[in-house]
Amino acid sequence: MERIVFLERKSVDARVRRPEFAHEWVEFAESTQGEAVERLRGATVAIMNKIALREEELKQLPDLKLIAVAATGTDRIDLGYCSRHRVAVTNVRGYAATSLSEHVLMLVLALRRNLIGFREDVRRGLWGQSKQFCLLTHEIHDLKGSTFGVVGYGALGRATAELARATGMRVLVGEHKGAAEVREGRTEFDELLRESDVVSLHAPLTEETRRMIGAREFGLMKRGALLINTARGLLVDESALAEALRAGRIAGAGIDVLSNEPPRDANPLLDLTLPNLVVTPHVAWASREAMQSLADQLVDNIEAFFRGQPVNLVTSSE
């Protein structure tokens, strides 16, 4: 009988059905990194979200057959070790395409229309002091006719690009940073930064993408451009972003992810109180509909694996 251990049940606020095969199901609302190995002893299936399973942990878990990640990102899993020791890894894909793309659009609109600045001015009573019917204290820009640059063109990047096109924006799809050749339909990375009014990040976190946006990249962007990051915090040099915002090097940023989550220690972005910076707490993916889709796909993956059917397998080459 398979033993399935869900380390972080509280991270999925949805109904999670039980697989349709004989199994023992054990779940923990939350788990710390230090509790993971002991709780997974004897498990053949581990369900996790943000707990790291590196070689140090995995070599203590010889019974594991499958790691079912309740998310898309697998950067916390040692995929090389899993491949060498025949431990399958699955993830959930595309479940947040609507939720995340709408969140990106919300951030872009809030920044292009200076929502936070106007809200603060009204709160401070400046509208009541105006000599005309409106209060024009901040610039307002339309989305239609502007350029939207997408970095990372998987399911989430594609969904966001589709929504951007629906608003009348011109969409550029970025080539990999430093690529020797530019594929048809793609835009060279630096050119995308120079041309875009909005740069939206949707790339996975790898050694190649870590801090792919830093001081050099901000120097290439338009002064009126926005940076949107709903992917991974470590794609961006946060200190460089904070300095670019303070110096007015770019017009604003919408950030849903940070380098350390939750941000218990100091973070340069959280120290800023600027109307052109919007930080949300990693919730772009988390609509009710998206979470139920995640939960359903998670169990679909487990069932398909044990039936020997096609499944969302992740390999070390991805």
Protein backbone atom coordinates (compact mmCIF):
# COMPACT_ATOMS: atom_id res chain seq x y z
CA MET A 1 0.00 0.00 0.00
CA GLU A 2 1.27 3.47 -0.88
CA ARG A 3 1.91 5.91 1.94
CA ILE A 4 1.16 9.50 0.91
CA VAL A 5 2.41 12.32 3.15
CA PHE A 6 1.27 15.90 2.50
CA LEU A 7 3.72 18.18 4.32
CA GLU A 8 1.96 21.53 3.82
CA ARG A 9 -1.79 20.97 3.55
CA LYS A 10 -2.56 24.52 4.65
CA SER A 11 -0.83 25.87 1.53
CA VAL A 12 -3.69 24.57 -0.65
CA ASP A 13 -6.96 26.20 0.41
CA ALA A 14 -9.19 23.88 -1.61
CA ARG A 15 -10.81 20.46 -1.48
CA VAL A 16 -8.18 17.79 -2.09
CA ARG A 17 -9.81 14.49 -3.04
CA ARG A 18 -8.17 11.21 -2.12
CA PRO A 19 -6.55 9.11 -4.90
CA GLU A 20 -8.59 6.19 -6.21
CA PHE A 21 -6.19 3.42 -5.21
CA ALA A 22 -5.32 1.77 -1.92
CA HIS A 23 -3.23 4.10 0.16
CA GLU A 24 -2.56 5.58 3.57
CA TRP A 25 -3.00 9.36 3.67
CA VAL A 26 -1.16 11.50 6.23
CA GLU A 27 -1.25 15.27 6.18
CA PHE A 28 0.24 18.07 8.23
CA ALA A 29 -1.14 21.60 8.15
CA GLU A 30 2.39 23.00 8.16
CA SER A 31 5.89 21.58 8.34
CA THR A 32 9.25 23.16 8.98
CA GLN A 33 12.33 22.22 7.02
CA GLY A 34 13.69 20.42 10.06
CA GLU A 35 10.54 18.27 10.40
CA ALA A 36 10.41 17.14 6.77
CA VAL A 37 12.61 14.02 6.86
CA GLU A 38 11.07 12.53 10.00
CA ARG A 39 7.55 13.10 8.72
CA LEU A 40 8.38 11.54 5.34
CA ARG A 41 9.99 8.37 6.70
CA GLY A 42 8.30 5.39 5.08
CA ALA A 43 6.42 7.56 2.59
CA THR A 44 6.27 6.46 -1.03
CA VAL A 45 4.69 9.76 -2.11
CA ALA A 46 5.64 13.17 -0.77
CA ILE A 47 3.38 16.14 -1.45
CA MET A 48 5.13 19.44 -0.82
CA ASN A 49 5.11 23.06 -1.83
CA LYS A 50 7.97 25.13 -0.41
CA ILE A 51 9.83 22.52 1.66
CA ALA A 52 13.24 21.83 0.11
CA LEU A 53 14.15 18.24 -0.70
CA ARG A 54 17.85 18.23 -1.53
CA GLU A 55 20.24 15.29 -1.58
CA GLU A 56 20.77 15.59 2.18
CA GLU A 57 17.08 14.93 2.82
CA LEU A 58 16.41 12.57 -0.10
CA LYS A 59 19.15 10.10 0.75
CA GLN A 60 17.37 9.51 4.07
CA LEU A 61 14.12 8.61 2.29
CA PRO A 62 14.79 5.41 0.33
CA ASP A 63 11.09 4.50 0.02
CA LEU A 64 10.14 7.56 -2.03
CA LYS A 65 8.77 6.83 -5.48
CA LEU A 66 7.15 10.16 -6.25
CA ILE A 67 7.43 13.79 -5.19
CA ALA A 68 4.22 15.60 -6.13
CA VAL A 69 4.88 19.34 -6.01
CA ALA A 70 1.76 21.37 -5.25
CA ALA A 71 3.07 24.21 -7.39
CA THR A 72 4.77 24.81 -10.73
CA GLY A 73 8.27 25.68 -9.52
CA THR A 74 10.58 22.75 -8.70
CA ASP A 75 13.72 24.72 -7.81
CA ARG A 76 13.61 23.36 -4.24
CA ILE A 77 13.91 19.76 -5.44
CA ASP A 78 17.26 18.12 -6.30
CA LEU A 79 16.13 16.89 -9.71
CA GLY A 80 19.51 15.40 -10.51
CA TYR A 81 19.42 13.18 -7.43
CA CYS A 82 15.84 12.18 -8.19
CA SER A 83 16.75 11.22 -11.75
CA ARG A 84 19.71 9.11 -10.63
CA HIS A 85 17.67 7.30 -7.97
CA ARG A 86 14.46 6.87 -9.99
CA VAL A 87 12.33 9.19 -7.89
CA ALA A 88 9.70 10.76 -10.13
CA VAL A 89 8.82 14.44 -9.71
CA THR A 90 5.55 15.97 -10.88
CA ASN A 91 4.30 19.54 -10.76
CA VAL A 92 1.08 21.35 -11.55
CA ARG A 93 0.98 23.53 -14.64
CA GLY A 94 -1.23 26.22 -16.05
CA TYR A 95 -3.64 26.20 -13.11
CA ALA A 96 -3.05 29.88 -12.33
CA ALA A 97 -3.07 31.21 -15.90
CA THR A 98 -6.20 33.30 -15.36
CA SER A 99 -5.49 34.28 -11.76
CA LEU A 100 -1.92 35.36 -12.35
CA SER A 101 -2.47 37.16 -15.65
CA GLU A 102 -5.33 39.15 -14.12
CA HIS A 103 -3.08 40.03 -11.18
CA VAL A 104 -0.43 41.30 -13.58
CA LEU A 105 -3.03 43.43 -15.36
CA MET A 106 -4.20 44.79 -12.01
CA LEU A 107 -0.65 45.83 -11.08
CA VAL A 108 -0.05 47.43 -14.47
CA LEU A 109 -3.30 49.38 -14.34
CA ALA A 110 -2.69 50.51 -10.75
CA LEU A 111 0.72 51.84 -11.72
CA ARG A 112 -0.09 53.30 -15.13
CA ARG A 113 -3.12 55.09 -13.63
CA ASN A 114 -1.23 56.06 -10.44
CA LEU A 115 -3.93 54.51 -8.28
CA ILE A 116 -1.89 54.48 -5.06
CA GLY A 117 -0.78 58.09 -5.44
CA PHE A 118 -4.29 59.37 -6.08
CA ARG A 119 -5.70 57.32 -3.22
CA GLU A 120 -3.16 58.84 -0.84
CA ASP A 121 -3.86 62.37 -2.10
CA VAL A 122 -7.60 61.92 -1.52
CA ARG A 123 -6.92 60.52 1.96
CA ARG A 124 -4.81 63.59 2.76
CA GLY A 125 -7.64 65.92 1.71
CA LEU A 126 -5.89 67.34 -1.36
CA TRP A 127 -8.94 66.88 -3.59
CA GLY A 128 -10.96 69.10 -1.28
CA GLN A 129 -8.32 71.81 -1.65
CA SER A 130 -8.33 71.67 -5.46
CA LYS A 131 -9.39 74.79 -7.39
CA GLN A 132 -11.03 72.66 -10.08
CA PHE A 133 -13.34 69.65 -10.17
CA CYS A 134 -10.49 67.15 -10.53
CA LEU A 135 -7.10 66.66 -8.92
CA LEU A 136 -4.30 66.15 -11.45
CA THR A 137 -1.34 65.50 -9.19
CA HIS A 138 0.03 62.45 -11.02
CA GLU A 139 0.55 61.37 -14.60
CA ILE A 140 -1.97 58.94 -16.10
CA HIS A 141 -1.16 56.72 -19.07
CA ASP A 142 -3.29 54.44 -21.25
CA LEU A 143 -2.38 50.82 -21.84
CA LYS A 144 -3.57 50.84 -25.45
CA GLY A 145 -0.71 51.51 -27.84
CA SER A 146 2.04 50.85 -25.29
CA THR A 147 4.52 47.96 -25.46
CA PHE A 148 4.36 44.96 -23.14
CA GLY A 149 7.50 42.80 -22.87
CA VAL A 150 7.13 39.21 -21.67
CA VAL A 151 10.18 37.44 -20.23
CA GLY A 152 9.35 33.74 -19.96
CA TYR A 153 6.78 32.35 -22.36
CA GLY A 154 5.33 29.28 -20.71
CA ALA A 155 1.65 28.91 -19.85
CA LEU A 156 1.64 31.92 -17.51
CA GLY A 157 3.60 34.17 -19.83
CA ARG A 158 1.34 33.25 -22.75
CA ALA A 159 -1.83 33.92 -20.76
CA THR A 160 -0.50 37.29 -19.64
CA ALA A 161 0.52 38.20 -23.19
CA GLU A 162 -2.98 37.33 -24.42
CA LEU A 163 -4.55 39.61 -21.83
CA ALA A 164 -2.11 42.41 -22.70
CA ARG A 165 -3.03 42.11 -26.38
CA ALA A 166 -6.72 42.32 -25.45
CA THR A 167 -6.08 45.78 -23.95
CA GLY A 168 -4.50 46.96 -27.19
CA MET A 169 -0.89 46.64 -26.09
CA ARG A 170 1.85 45.58 -28.48
CA VAL A 171 3.47 42.42 -27.09
CA LEU A 172 7.16 41.49 -27.37
CA VAL A 173 8.26 37.99 -26.34
CA GLY A 174 11.79 37.94 -25.00
CA GLU A 175 14.56 35.61 -26.10
CA HIS A 176 16.68 34.02 -23.36
CA LYS A 177 19.16 36.46 -21.88
CA GLY A 178 22.52 36.07 -23.58
CA ALA A 179 21.20 33.76 -26.30
CA ALA A 180 23.46 33.46 -29.36
CA GLU A 181 20.48 33.37 -31.72
CA VAL A 182 17.05 34.97 -31.62
CA ARG A 183 14.21 32.63 -32.54
CA GLU A 184 11.48 33.67 -34.92
CA GLY A 185 8.80 35.61 -33.10
CA ARG A 186 11.14 36.50 -30.22
CA THR A 187 12.88 39.76 -29.35
CA GLU A 188 16.49 39.96 -28.19
CA PHE A 189 16.58 40.40 -24.41
CA ASP A 190 18.26 43.82 -24.26
CA GLU A 191 16.10 45.13 -27.10
CA LEU A 192 12.98 44.06 -25.22
CA LEU A 193 14.15 46.03 -22.19
CA ARG A 194 14.82 49.11 -24.29
CA GLU A 195 11.49 49.04 -26.14
CA SER A 196 9.00 47.94 -23.47
CA ASP A 197 6.77 50.22 -21.43
CA VAL A 198 6.04 47.22 -19.19
CA VAL A 199 8.43 44.31 -18.56
CA SER A 200 6.65 41.32 -17.01
CA LEU A 201 8.69 38.40 -15.64
CA HIS A 202 7.44 34.81 -15.96
CA ALA A 203 10.70 32.86 -16.12
CA PRO A 204 11.57 29.94 -13.81
CA LEU A 205 14.33 30.39 -11.26
CA THR A 206 17.53 28.72 -12.48
CA GLU A 207 21.21 29.56 -12.17
CA GLU A 208 20.90 31.30 -15.54
CA THR A 209 17.92 33.45 -14.52
CA ARG A 210 19.00 34.29 -10.97
CA ARG A 211 19.14 38.11 -10.66
CA MET A 212 18.64 38.44 -14.41
CA ILE A 213 17.32 41.96 -13.80
CA GLY A 214 19.80 44.25 -12.05
CA ALA A 215 21.40 47.68 -12.30
CA ARG A 216 22.58 47.07 -15.87
CA GLU A 217 19.10 46.07 -17.00
CA PHE A 218 17.42 49.01 -15.28
CA GLY A 219 19.87 51.22 -17.15
CA LEU A 220 18.51 49.87 -20.44
CA MET A 221 14.83 50.37 -19.61
CA LYS A 222 12.82 53.46 -20.41
CA ARG A 223 12.43 55.97 -17.60
CA GLY A 224 8.68 55.59 -17.99
CA ALA A 225 8.77 51.79 -17.87
CA LEU A 226 7.31 49.44 -15.26
CA LEU A 227 8.75 46.17 -13.97
CA ILE A 228 6.24 43.49 -12.95
CA ASN A 229 7.45 40.33 -11.18
CA THR A 230 4.97 37.59 -10.33
CA ALA A 231 7.45 34.74 -10.94
CA ARG A 232 10.30 34.41 -8.43
CA GLY A 233 11.84 37.08 -6.22
CA LEU A 234 15.39 36.05 -7.01
CA LEU A 235 14.95 36.92 -10.69
CA VAL A 236 15.52 40.54 -9.60
CA ASP A 237 18.33 42.25 -7.71
CA GLU A 238 16.07 43.85 -5.12
CA SER A 239 18.64 46.42 -3.96
CA ALA A 240 19.15 47.55 -7.55
CA LEU A 241 15.38 47.81 -8.02
CA ALA A 242 15.01 49.88 -4.86
CA GLU A 243 17.73 52.24 -6.07
CA ALA A 244 16.17 52.48 -9.57
CA LEU A 245 12.84 53.47 -8.00
CA ARG A 246 14.39 55.99 -5.62
CA ALA A 247 16.40 57.56 -8.45
CA GLY A 248 13.46 57.62 -10.86
CA ARG A 249 15.37 55.39 -13.25
CA ILE A 250 12.14 53.53 -14.00
CA ALA A 251 8.56 54.67 -13.44
CA GLY A 252 7.41 51.94 -11.08
CA ALA A 253 7.26 48.29 -10.10
CA GLY A 254 4.60 45.75 -9.18
CA ILE A 255 6.05 42.91 -7.12
CA ASP A 256 4.26 39.77 -5.90
CA VAL A 257 7.37 37.78 -4.94
CA LEU A 258 10.43 38.44 -2.81
CA SER A 259 13.81 36.75 -2.45
CA ASN A 260 12.87 35.40 0.98
CA GLU A 261 9.29 34.49 1.83
CA PRO A 262 7.82 35.26 4.22
CA PRO A 263 10.12 38.31 4.55
CA ARG A 264 11.00 37.98 8.22
CA ASP A 265 14.28 39.83 7.74
CA ALA A 266 14.86 43.25 6.23
CA ASN A 267 14.12 43.68 2.54
CA PRO A 268 15.07 46.83 0.60
CA LEU A 269 11.71 46.91 -1.19
CA LEU A 270 9.69 46.79 2.02
CA ASP A 271 11.62 49.75 3.38
CA LEU A 272 10.30 51.97 0.57
CA THR A 273 7.11 54.02 0.88
CA LEU A 274 6.64 55.09 -2.71
CA PRO A 275 3.35 55.42 -4.61
CA ASN A 276 4.97 53.81 -7.66
CA LEU A 277 5.79 50.55 -5.88
CA VAL A 278 3.06 47.98 -5.23
CA VAL A 279 4.02 44.86 -3.26
CA THR A 280 1.52 42.02 -2.83
CA PRO A 281 2.23 38.92 -0.67
CA HIS A 282 2.70 36.17 -3.30
CA VAL A 283 -1.00 35.90 -4.06
CA ALA A 284 -1.10 36.30 -7.85
CA TRP A 285 -1.71 32.55 -8.21
CA ALA A 286 -4.24 32.21 -5.42
CA SER A 287 -7.76 32.79 -6.69
CA ARG A 288 -10.26 30.27 -5.36
CA GLU A 289 -10.69 28.86 -8.84
CA ALA A 290 -6.95 28.49 -9.38
CA MET A 291 -6.41 26.71 -6.07
CA GLN A 292 -9.13 24.17 -6.82
CA SER A 293 -7.60 23.54 -10.22
CA LEU A 294 -4.23 23.04 -8.52
CA ALA A 295 -5.68 20.55 -6.05
CA ASP A 296 -7.41 18.56 -8.79
CA GLN A 297 -4.32 18.44 -11.00
CA LEU A 298 -2.14 17.45 -8.03
CA VAL A 299 -4.18 14.29 -7.42
CA ASP A 300 -4.58 13.66 -11.15
CA ASN A 301 -0.78 13.50 -11.35
CA ILE A 302 -0.51 11.00 -8.50
CA GLU A 303 -3.22 8.76 -9.93
CA ALA A 304 -1.74 8.87 -13.43
CA PHE A 305 1.72 7.99 -12.14
CA PHE A 306 0.54 4.83 -10.38
CA ARG A 307 -1.58 3.84 -13.37
CA GLY A 308 1.46 4.19 -15.60
CA GLN A 309 -0.23 6.90 -17.66
CA PRO A 310 1.27 10.16 -19.02
CA VAL A 311 1.88 12.65 -16.23
CA ASN A 312 3.51 16.05 -15.69
CA LEU A 313 6.97 14.64 -15.02
CA VAL A 314 9.78 17.10 -14.35
CA THR A 315 13.32 16.16 -15.35
CA SER A 316 16.67 17.68 -14.49
CA SER A 317 16.94 19.01 -18.04
CA GLU A 318 13.86 21.25 -17.75
